[in-house]
Amino acid sequence: MIDGIRWRTRTGAPWRDVTERYGPWDRVYDLFRHWQRDGTWARTVTRLQAEADAKGLITWDVNADSTVCRVQQHAAGRGERGLLIRAGRLPAA
């Protein structure tokens, strides 16, 4: 079941997608949830990361990512009643 937890946290897949070879998905989830609540999971991950870092197995790289949020072109930059709002200026009341 530990391998099932590792697989799920590594892939980010839904819990229901954990394969049967790791045990029933709901049992894997229940174990993870119990460990998460009592702090066992955090201590385990911290210890494993510390050991791997001490052995030089972790490369600590910074990775910056951005998310794009698109809106309808007519909605961008428009205030109430279709007034264009410029940076730092509010429409007169």
PDB file of N, CA and C in Angstrom:
ATOM      1  N   MET A   1       0.811  -1.193   0.000  1.00  0.00           N
ATOM      2  CA  MET A   1       0.000   0.000   0.000  1.00  0.00           C
ATOM      3  C   MET A   1       0.859   1.263   0.000  1.00  0.00           C
ATOM      4  N   ILE A   2       2.040   1.185   0.581  1.00  0.00           N
ATOM      5  CA  ILE A   2       2.935   2.345   0.579  1.00  0.00           C
ATOM      6  C   ILE A   2       3.316   2.700  -0.854  1.00  0.00           C
ATOM      7  N   ASP A   3       3.564   1.675  -1.672  1.00  0.00           N
ATOM      8  CA  ASP A   3       3.878   1.941  -3.078  1.00  0.00           C
ATOM      9  C   ASP A   3       2.696   2.603  -3.787  1.00  0.00           C
ATOM     10  N   GLY A   4       1.485   2.249  -3.410  1.00  0.00           N
ATOM     11  CA  GLY A   4       0.302   2.889  -3.978  1.00  0.00           C
ATOM     12  C   GLY A   4       0.227   4.361  -3.613  1.00  0.00           C
ATOM     13  N   ILE A   5       0.572   4.682  -2.366  1.00  0.00           N
ATOM     14  CA  ILE A   5       0.602   6.082  -1.940  1.00  0.00           C
ATOM     15  C   ILE A   5       1.680   6.826  -2.710  1.00  0.00           C
ATOM     16  N   ARG A   6       2.852   6.215  -2.830  1.00  0.00           N
ATOM     17  CA  ARG A   6       3.949   6.853  -3.571  1.00  0.00           C
ATOM     18  C   ARG A   6       3.558   7.089  -5.025  1.00  0.00           C
ATOM     19  N   TRP A   7       2.935   6.079  -5.655  1.00  0.00           N
ATOM     20  CA  TRP A   7       2.526   6.214  -7.054  1.00  0.00           C
ATOM     21  C   TRP A   7       1.542   7.361  -7.212  1.00  0.00           C
ATOM     22  N   ARG A   8       0.562   7.426  -6.318  1.00  0.00           N
ATOM     23  CA  ARG A   8      -0.466   8.459  -6.424  1.00  0.00           C
ATOM     24  C   ARG A   8       0.117   9.855  -6.201  1.00  0.00           C
ATOM     25  N   THR A   9       0.998  10.025  -5.210  1.00  0.00           N
ATOM     26  CA  THR A   9       1.566  11.351  -4.959  1.00  0.00           C
ATOM     27  C   THR A   9       2.534  11.759  -6.069  1.00  0.00           C
ATOM     28  N   ARG A  10       3.203  10.795  -6.681  1.00  0.00           N
ATOM     29  CA  ARG A  10       4.127  11.104  -7.772  1.00  0.00           C
ATOM     30  C   ARG A  10       3.390  11.496  -9.050  1.00  0.00           C
ATOM     31  N   THR A  11       2.277  10.805  -9.350  1.00  0.00           N
ATOM     32  CA  THR A  11       1.568  11.054 -10.605  1.00  0.00           C
ATOM     33  C   THR A  11       0.491  12.121 -10.481  1.00  0.00           C
ATOM     34  N   GLY A  12      -0.058  12.299  -9.292  1.00  0.00           N
ATOM     35  CA  GLY A  12      -1.147  13.247  -9.114  1.00  0.00           C
ATOM     36  C   GLY A  12      -2.476  12.729  -9.630  1.00  0.00           C
ATOM     37  N   ALA A  13      -2.537  11.442  -9.914  1.00  0.00           N
ATOM     38  CA  ALA A  13      -3.771  10.842 -10.422  1.00  0.00           C
ATOM     39  C   ALA A  13      -4.833  10.791  -9.322  1.00  0.00           C
ATOM     40  N   PRO A  14      -6.096  10.686  -9.699  1.00  0.00           N
ATOM     41  CA  PRO A  14      -7.147  10.523  -8.686  1.00  0.00           C
ATOM     42  C   PRO A  14      -6.943   9.221  -7.906  1.00  0.00           C
ATOM     43  N   TRP A  15      -7.391   9.206  -6.659  1.00  0.00           N
ATOM     44  CA  TRP A  15      -7.220   8.016  -5.821  1.00  0.00           C
ATOM     45  C   TRP A  15      -7.867   6.795  -6.453  1.00  0.00           C
ATOM     46  N   ARG A  16      -8.987   6.967  -7.123  1.00  0.00           N
ATOM     47  CA  ARG A  16      -9.672   5.819  -7.732  1.00  0.00           C
ATOM     48  C   ARG A  16      -8.856   5.178  -8.855  1.00  0.00           C
ATOM     49  N   ASP A  17      -7.838   5.868  -9.356  1.00  0.00           N
ATOM     50  CA  ASP A  17      -7.009   5.317 -10.424  1.00  0.00           C
ATOM     51  C   ASP A  17      -5.829   4.502  -9.907  1.00  0.00           C
ATOM     52  N   VAL A  18      -5.676   4.395  -8.593  1.00  0.00           N
ATOM     53  CA  VAL A  18      -4.607   3.555  -8.035  1.00  0.00           C
ATOM     54  C   VAL A  18      -4.931   2.113  -8.407  1.00  0.00           C
ATOM     55  N   THR A  19      -3.974   1.425  -9.036  1.00  0.00           N
ATOM     56  CA  THR A  19      -4.233   0.075  -9.535  1.00  0.00           C
ATOM     57  C   THR A  19      -4.350  -0.934  -8.399  1.00  0.00           C
ATOM     58  N   GLU A  20      -5.017  -2.033  -8.686  1.00  0.00           N
ATOM     59  CA  GLU A  20      -5.263  -3.083  -7.697  1.00  0.00           C
ATOM     60  C   GLU A  20      -3.978  -3.738  -7.192  1.00  0.00           C
ATOM     61  N   ARG A  21      -2.890  -3.650  -7.948  1.00  0.00           N
ATOM     62  CA  ARG A  21      -1.654  -4.287  -7.476  1.00  0.00           C
ATOM     63  C   ARG A  21      -1.125  -3.627  -6.207  1.00  0.00           C
ATOM     64  N   TYR A  22      -1.571  -2.401  -5.926  1.00  0.00           N
ATOM     65  CA  TYR A  22      -1.198  -1.715  -4.693  1.00  0.00           C
ATOM     66  C   TYR A  22      -2.225  -1.939  -3.592  1.00  0.00           C
ATOM     67  N   GLY A  23      -3.283  -2.645  -3.893  1.00  0.00           N
ATOM     68  CA  GLY A  23      -4.363  -2.861  -2.940  1.00  0.00           C
ATOM     69  C   GLY A  23      -5.573  -2.052  -3.356  1.00  0.00           C
ATOM     70  N   PRO A  24      -6.695  -2.272  -2.679  1.00  0.00           N
ATOM     71  CA  PRO A  24      -7.894  -1.492  -3.005  1.00  0.00           C
ATOM     72  C   PRO A  24      -7.633   0.004  -2.814  1.00  0.00           C
ATOM     73  N   TRP A  25      -8.055   0.808  -3.778  1.00  0.00           N
ATOM     74  CA  TRP A  25      -7.742   2.242  -3.746  1.00  0.00           C
ATOM     75  C   TRP A  25      -8.243   2.912  -2.478  1.00  0.00           C
ATOM     76  N   ASP A  26      -9.410   2.477  -1.971  1.00  0.00           N
ATOM     77  CA  ASP A  26      -9.947   3.132  -0.781  1.00  0.00           C
ATOM     78  C   ASP A  26      -9.139   2.802   0.469  1.00  0.00           C
ATOM     79  N   ARG A  27      -8.538   1.614   0.515  1.00  0.00           N
ATOM     80  CA  ARG A  27      -7.667   1.271   1.650  1.00  0.00           C
ATOM     81  C   ARG A  27      -6.365   2.060   1.578  1.00  0.00           C
ATOM     82  N   VAL A  28      -5.837   2.226   0.365  1.00  0.00           N
ATOM     83  CA  VAL A  28      -4.619   3.024   0.180  1.00  0.00           C
ATOM     84  C   VAL A  28      -4.891   4.463   0.605  1.00  0.00           C
ATOM     85  N   TYR A  29      -6.028   5.004   0.188  1.00  0.00           N
ATOM     86  CA  TYR A  29      -6.397   6.372   0.556  1.00  0.00           C
ATOM     87  C   TYR A  29      -6.588   6.511   2.064  1.00  0.00           C
ATOM     88  N   ASP A  30      -7.272   5.538   2.682  1.00  0.00           N
ATOM     89  CA  ASP A  30      -7.500   5.598   4.136  1.00  0.00           C
ATOM     90  C   ASP A  30      -6.187   5.603   4.904  1.00  0.00           C
ATOM     91  N   LEU A  31      -5.226   4.787   4.477  1.00  0.00           N
ATOM     92  CA  LEU A  31      -3.918   4.758   5.137  1.00  0.00           C
ATOM     93  C   LEU A  31      -3.213   6.105   4.976  1.00  0.00           C
ATOM     94  N   PHE A  32      -3.220   6.643   3.752  1.00  0.00           N
ATOM     95  CA  PHE A  32      -2.599   7.946   3.516  1.00  0.00           C
ATOM     96  C   PHE A  32      -3.265   9.032   4.358  1.00  0.00           C
ATOM     97  N   ARG A  33      -4.588   9.042   4.375  1.00  0.00           N
ATOM     98  CA  ARG A  33      -5.317  10.054   5.136  1.00  0.00           C
ATOM     99  C   ARG A  33      -4.991   9.961   6.625  1.00  0.00           C
ATOM    100  N   HIS A  34      -4.914   8.750   7.155  1.00  0.00           N
ATOM    101  CA  HIS A  34      -4.568   8.560   8.570  1.00  0.00           C
ATOM    102  C   HIS A  34      -3.160   9.093   8.845  1.00  0.00           C
ATOM    103  N   TRP A  35      -2.207   8.732   7.986  1.00  0.00           N
ATOM    104  CA  TRP A  35      -0.824   9.187   8.166  1.00  0.00           C
ATOM    105  C   TRP A  35      -0.714  10.698   7.982  1.00  0.00           C
ATOM    106  N   GLN A  36      -1.495  11.247   7.068  1.00  0.00           N
ATOM    107  CA  GLN A  36      -1.473  12.691   6.838  1.00  0.00           C
ATOM    108  C   GLN A  36      -1.964  13.437   8.078  1.00  0.00           C
ATOM    109  N   ARG A  37      -3.015  12.936   8.673  1.00  0.00           N
ATOM    110  CA  ARG A  37      -3.609  13.604   9.839  1.00  0.00           C
ATOM    111  C   ARG A  37      -2.738  13.516  11.082  1.00  0.00           C
ATOM    112  N   ASP A  38      -2.078  12.369  11.285  1.00  0.00           N
ATOM    113  CA  ASP A  38      -1.285  12.242  12.519  1.00  0.00           C
ATOM    114  C   ASP A  38       0.171  12.667  12.341  1.00  0.00           C
ATOM    115  N   GLY A  39       0.536  13.127  11.129  1.00  0.00           N
ATOM    116  CA  GLY A  39       1.876  13.656  10.897  1.00  0.00           C
ATOM    117  C   GLY A  39       2.902  12.634  10.444  1.00  0.00           C
ATOM    118  N   THR A  40       2.511  11.367  10.366  1.00  0.00           N
ATOM    119  CA  THR A  40       3.446  10.313   9.956  1.00  0.00           C
ATOM    120  C   THR A  40       3.956  10.547   8.543  1.00  0.00           C
ATOM    121  N   TRP A  41       3.072  10.931   7.636  1.00  0.00           N
ATOM    122  CA  TRP A  41       3.478  11.126   6.240  1.00  0.00           C
ATOM    123  C   TRP A  41       4.493  12.259   6.106  1.00  0.00           C
ATOM    124  N   ALA A  42       4.253  13.371   6.771  1.00  0.00           N
ATOM    125  CA  ALA A  42       5.176  14.515   6.699  1.00  0.00           C
ATOM    126  C   ALA A  42       6.543  14.143   7.261  1.00  0.00           C
ATOM    127  N   ARG A  43       6.567  13.424   8.381  1.00  0.00           N
ATOM    128  CA  ARG A  43       7.852  13.004   8.961  1.00  0.00           C
ATOM    129  C   ARG A  43       8.588  12.046   8.037  1.00  0.00           C
ATOM    130  N   THR A  44       7.849  11.130   7.419  1.00  0.00           N
ATOM    131  CA  THR A  44       8.462  10.158   6.513  1.00  0.00           C
ATOM    132  C   THR A  44       9.064  10.846   5.298  1.00  0.00           C
ATOM    133  N   VAL A  45       8.312  11.733   4.678  1.00  0.00           N
ATOM    134  CA  VAL A  45       8.805  12.446   3.490  1.00  0.00           C
ATOM    135  C   VAL A  45      10.015  13.301   3.845  1.00  0.00           C
ATOM    136  N   THR A  46       9.962  13.994   4.977  1.00  0.00           N
ATOM    137  CA  THR A  46      11.080  14.836   5.408  1.00  0.00           C
ATOM    138  C   THR A  46      12.336  14.007   5.625  1.00  0.00           C
ATOM    139  N   ARG A  47      12.188  12.870   6.278  1.00  0.00           N
ATOM    140  CA  ARG A  47      13.342  12.001   6.535  1.00  0.00           C
ATOM    141  C   ARG A  47      13.916  11.437   5.233  1.00  0.00           C
ATOM    142  N   LEU A  48      13.047  10.971   4.341  1.00  0.00           N
ATOM    143  CA  LEU A  48      13.526  10.423   3.068  1.00  0.00           C
ATOM    144  C   LEU A  48      14.214  11.488   2.222  1.00  0.00           C
ATOM    145  N   GLN A  49      13.674  12.704   2.220  1.00  0.00           N
ATOM    146  CA  GLN A  49      14.321  13.786   1.475  1.00  0.00           C
ATOM    147  C   GLN A  49      15.676  14.129   2.074  1.00  0.00           C
ATOM    148  N   ALA A  50      15.775  14.145   3.389  1.00  0.00           N
ATOM    149  CA  ALA A  50      17.046  14.463   4.040  1.00  0.00           C
ATOM    150  C   ALA A  50      18.097  13.411   3.714  1.00  0.00           C
ATOM    151  N   GLU A  51      17.709  12.136   3.747  1.00  0.00           N
ATOM    152  CA  GLU A  51      18.651  11.062   3.414  1.00  0.00           C
ATOM    153  C   GLU A  51      19.093  11.149   1.956  1.00  0.00           C
ATOM    154  N   ALA A  52      18.149  11.373   1.052  1.00  0.00           N
ATOM    155  CA  ALA A  52      18.488  11.474  -0.369  1.00  0.00           C
ATOM    156  C   ALA A  52      19.364  12.689  -0.637  1.00  0.00           C
ATOM    157  N   ASP A  53      19.095  13.797   0.044  1.00  0.00           N
ATOM    158  CA  ASP A  53      19.900  15.007  -0.129  1.00  0.00           C
ATOM    159  C   ASP A  53      21.314  14.788   0.388  1.00  0.00           C
ATOM    160  N   ALA A  54      21.449  14.103   1.516  1.00  0.00           N
ATOM    161  CA  ALA A  54      22.775  13.830   2.080  1.00  0.00           C
ATOM    162  C   ALA A  54      23.605  12.955   1.146  1.00  0.00           C
ATOM    163  N   LYS A  55      22.949  12.090   0.385  1.00  0.00           N
ATOM    164  CA  LYS A  55      23.645  11.219  -0.567  1.00  0.00           C
ATOM    165  C   LYS A  55      23.856  11.902  -1.915  1.00  0.00           C
ATOM    166  N   GLY A  56      23.375  13.136  -2.055  1.00  0.00           N
ATOM    167  CA  GLY A  56      23.529  13.864  -3.308  1.00  0.00           C
ATOM    168  C   GLY A  56      22.589  13.405  -4.401  1.00  0.00           C
ATOM    169  N   LEU A  57      21.488  12.794  -4.025  1.00  0.00           N
ATOM    170  CA  LEU A  57      20.547  12.263  -5.008  1.00  0.00           C
ATOM    171  C   LEU A  57      19.481  13.264  -5.444  1.00  0.00           C
ATOM    172  N   ILE A  58      19.456  14.426  -4.799  1.00  0.00           N
ATOM    173  CA  ILE A  58      18.455  15.438  -5.136  1.00  0.00           C
ATOM    174  C   ILE A  58      19.153  16.656  -5.720  1.00  0.00           C
ATOM    175  N   THR A  59      18.663  17.104  -6.855  1.00  0.00           N
ATOM    176  CA  THR A  59      19.134  18.346  -7.453  1.00  0.00           C
ATOM    177  C   THR A  59      18.064  19.388  -7.191  1.00  0.00           C
ATOM    178  N   TRP A  60      18.405  20.383  -6.394  1.00  0.00           N
ATOM    179  CA  TRP A  60      17.426  21.407  -6.022  1.00  0.00           C
ATOM    180  C   TRP A  60      17.443  22.516  -7.072  1.00  0.00           C
ATOM    181  N   ASP A  61      16.583  22.408  -8.057  1.00  0.00           N
ATOM    182  CA  ASP A  61      16.442  23.414  -9.101  1.00  0.00           C
ATOM    183  C   ASP A  61      15.183  24.233  -8.844  1.00  0.00           C
ATOM    184  N   VAL A  62      15.242  25.490  -9.218  1.00  0.00           N
ATOM    185  CA  VAL A  62      14.068  26.348  -9.132  1.00  0.00           C
ATOM    186  C   VAL A  62      13.354  26.276 -10.469  1.00  0.00           C
ATOM    187  N   ASN A  63      12.057  26.038 -10.423  1.00  0.00           N
ATOM    188  CA  ASN A  63      11.269  25.948 -11.636  1.00  0.00           C
ATOM    189  C   ASN A  63      10.099  26.916 -11.517  1.00  0.00           C
ATOM    190  N   ALA A  64      10.084  27.926 -12.348  1.00  0.00           N
ATOM    191  CA  ALA A  64       8.991  28.901 -12.330  1.00  0.00           C
ATOM    192  C   ALA A  64       8.038  28.590 -13.471  1.00  0.00           C
ATOM    193  N   ASP A  65       6.766  28.623 -13.169  1.00  0.00           N
ATOM    194  CA  ASP A  65       5.748  28.336 -14.166  1.00  0.00           C
ATOM    195  C   ASP A  65       4.674  29.417 -14.063  1.00  0.00           C
ATOM    196  N   SER A  66       3.973  29.621 -15.132  1.00  0.00           N
ATOM    197  CA  SER A  66       2.885  30.597 -15.089  1.00  0.00           C
ATOM    198  C   SER A  66       1.628  29.953 -15.640  1.00  0.00           C
ATOM    199  N   THR A  67       0.522  30.510 -15.257  1.00  0.00           N
ATOM    200  CA  THR A  67      -0.765  30.033 -15.726  1.00  0.00           C
ATOM    201  C   THR A  67      -1.409  31.136 -16.550  1.00  0.00           C
ATOM    202  N   VAL A  68      -1.984  30.753 -17.647  1.00  0.00           N
ATOM    203  CA  VAL A  68      -2.650  31.715 -18.517  1.00  0.00           C
ATOM    204  C   VAL A  68      -4.149  31.612 -18.275  1.00  0.00           C
ATOM    205  N   CYS A  69      -4.756  32.753 -18.052  1.00  0.00           N
ATOM    206  CA  CYS A  69      -6.205  32.809 -17.860  1.00  0.00           C
ATOM    207  C   CYS A  69      -6.764  33.701 -18.957  1.00  0.00           C
ATOM    208  N   ARG A  70      -7.567  33.135 -19.816  1.00  0.00           N
ATOM    209  CA  ARG A  70      -8.113  33.912 -20.923  1.00  0.00           C
ATOM    210  C   ARG A  70      -9.543  34.330 -20.622  1.00  0.00           C
ATOM    211  N   VAL A  71      -9.870  35.520 -21.064  1.00  0.00           N
ATOM    212  CA  VAL A  71     -11.241  36.015 -20.948  1.00  0.00           C
ATOM    213  C   VAL A  71     -11.702  36.405 -22.334  1.00  0.00           C
ATOM    214  N   GLN A  72     -12.973  36.628 -22.458  1.00  0.00           N
ATOM    215  CA  GLN A  72     -13.509  37.083 -23.730  1.00  0.00           C
ATOM    216  C   GLN A  72     -12.892  38.438 -24.066  1.00  0.00           C
ATOM    217  N   GLN A  73     -12.507  38.642 -25.308  1.00  0.00           N
ATOM    218  CA  GLN A  73     -11.777  39.857 -25.673  1.00  0.00           C
ATOM    219  C   GLN A  73     -12.545  41.130 -25.354  1.00  0.00           C
ATOM    220  N   HIS A  74     -13.855  41.089 -25.387  1.00  0.00           N
ATOM    221  CA  HIS A  74     -14.642  42.286 -25.110  1.00  0.00           C
ATOM    222  C   HIS A  74     -14.745  42.570 -23.614  1.00  0.00           C
ATOM    223  N   ALA A  75     -14.402  41.601 -22.786  1.00  0.00           N
ATOM    224  CA  ALA A  75     -14.499  41.781 -21.336  1.00  0.00           C
ATOM    225  C   ALA A  75     -13.212  42.353 -20.745  1.00  0.00           C
ATOM    226  N   ALA A  76     -12.110  42.195 -21.433  1.00  0.00           N
ATOM    227  CA  ALA A  76     -10.819  42.619 -20.887  1.00  0.00           C
ATOM    228  C   ALA A  76     -10.730  44.138 -20.797  1.00  0.00           C
ATOM    229  N   GLY A  77     -10.443  44.672 -19.605  1.00  0.00           N
ATOM    230  CA  GLY A  77     -10.221  46.100 -19.418  1.00  0.00           C
ATOM    231  C   GLY A  77     -11.464  46.952 -19.375  1.00  0.00           C
ATOM    232  N   ARG A  78     -12.613  46.351 -19.356  1.00  0.00           N
ATOM    233  CA  ARG A  78     -13.849  47.130 -19.353  1.00  0.00           C
ATOM    234  C   ARG A  78     -14.447  47.159 -17.951  1.00  0.00           C
ATOM    235  N   GLY A  79     -14.924  48.308 -17.566  1.00  0.00           N
ATOM    236  CA  GLY A  79     -15.591  48.469 -16.273  1.00  0.00           C
ATOM    237  C   GLY A  79     -17.098  48.436 -16.452  1.00  0.00           C
ATOM    238  N   GLU A  80     -17.799  49.052 -15.529  1.00  0.00           N
ATOM    239  CA  GLU A  80     -19.252  49.129 -15.625  1.00  0.00           C
ATOM    240  C   GLU A  80     -19.658  49.919 -16.863  1.00  0.00           C
ATOM    241  N   ARG A  81     -20.743  49.580 -17.447  1.00  0.00           N
ATOM    242  CA  ARG A  81     -21.318  50.255 -18.619  1.00  0.00           C
ATOM    243  C   ARG A  81     -20.335  50.354 -19.784  1.00  0.00           C
ATOM    244  N   GLY A  82     -19.370  49.432 -19.848  1.00  0.00           N
ATOM    245  CA  GLY A  82     -18.465  49.395 -20.980  1.00  0.00           C
ATOM    246  C   GLY A  82     -17.399  50.457 -20.985  1.00  0.00           C
ATOM    247  N   LEU A  83     -17.178  51.149 -19.857  1.00  0.00           N
ATOM    248  CA  LEU A  83     -16.152  52.188 -19.804  1.00  0.00           C
ATOM    249  C   LEU A  83     -14.774  51.553 -19.711  1.00  0.00           C
ATOM    250  N   LEU A  84     -13.846  52.091 -20.443  1.00  0.00           N
ATOM    251  CA  LEU A  84     -12.477  51.602 -20.394  1.00  0.00           C
ATOM    252  C   LEU A  84     -11.814  52.124 -19.122  1.00  0.00           C
ATOM    253  N   ILE A  85     -11.258  51.234 -18.323  1.00  0.00           N
ATOM    254  CA  ILE A  85     -10.575  51.629 -17.092  1.00  0.00           C
ATOM    255  C   ILE A  85      -9.079  51.597 -17.351  1.00  0.00           C
ATOM    256  N   ARG A  86      -8.435  52.717 -17.226  1.00  0.00           N
ATOM    257  CA  ARG A  86      -6.991  52.801 -17.408  1.00  0.00           C
ATOM    258  C   ARG A  86      -6.322  52.572 -16.064  1.00  0.00           C
ATOM    259  N   ALA A  87      -5.092  52.143 -16.104  1.00  0.00           N
ATOM    260  CA  ALA A  87      -4.352  51.847 -14.873  1.00  0.00           C
ATOM    261  C   ALA A  87      -4.322  53.060 -13.962  1.00  0.00           C
ATOM    262  N   GLY A  88      -4.734  52.872 -12.709  1.00  0.00           N
ATOM    263  CA  GLY A  88      -4.677  53.934 -11.718  1.00  0.00           C
ATOM    264  C   GLY A  88      -5.828  54.919 -11.762  1.00  0.00           C
ATOM    265  N   ARG A  89      -6.742  54.765 -12.708  1.00  0.00           N
ATOM    266  CA  ARG A  89      -7.865  55.702 -12.809  1.00  0.00           C
ATOM    267  C   ARG A  89      -9.178  54.941 -12.679  1.00  0.00           C
ATOM    268  N   LEU A  90     -10.089  55.510 -11.940  1.00  0.00           N
ATOM    269  CA  LEU A  90     -11.420  54.938 -11.819  1.00  0.00           C
ATOM    270  C   LEU A  90     -12.401  55.839 -12.546  1.00  0.00           C
ATOM    271  N   PRO A  91     -13.450  55.281 -13.116  1.00  0.00           N
ATOM    272  CA  PRO A  91     -14.432  56.125 -13.797  1.00  0.00           C
ATOM    273  C   PRO A  91     -15.155  57.016 -12.794  1.00  0.00           C
ATOM    274  N   ALA A  92     -15.546  58.204 -13.247  1.00  0.00           N
ATOM    275  CA  ALA A  92     -16.280  59.143 -12.382  1.00  0.00           C
ATOM    276  C   ALA A  92     -17.643  58.564 -12.056  1.00  0.00           C
ATOM    277  N   ALA A  93     -18.092  58.812 -10.832  1.00  0.00           N
ATOM    278  CA  ALA A  93     -19.380  58.262 -10.385  1.00  0.00           C
ATOM    279  C   ALA A  93     -20.546  59.001 -10.983  1.00  0.00           C
TER     280      ALA A  93
END
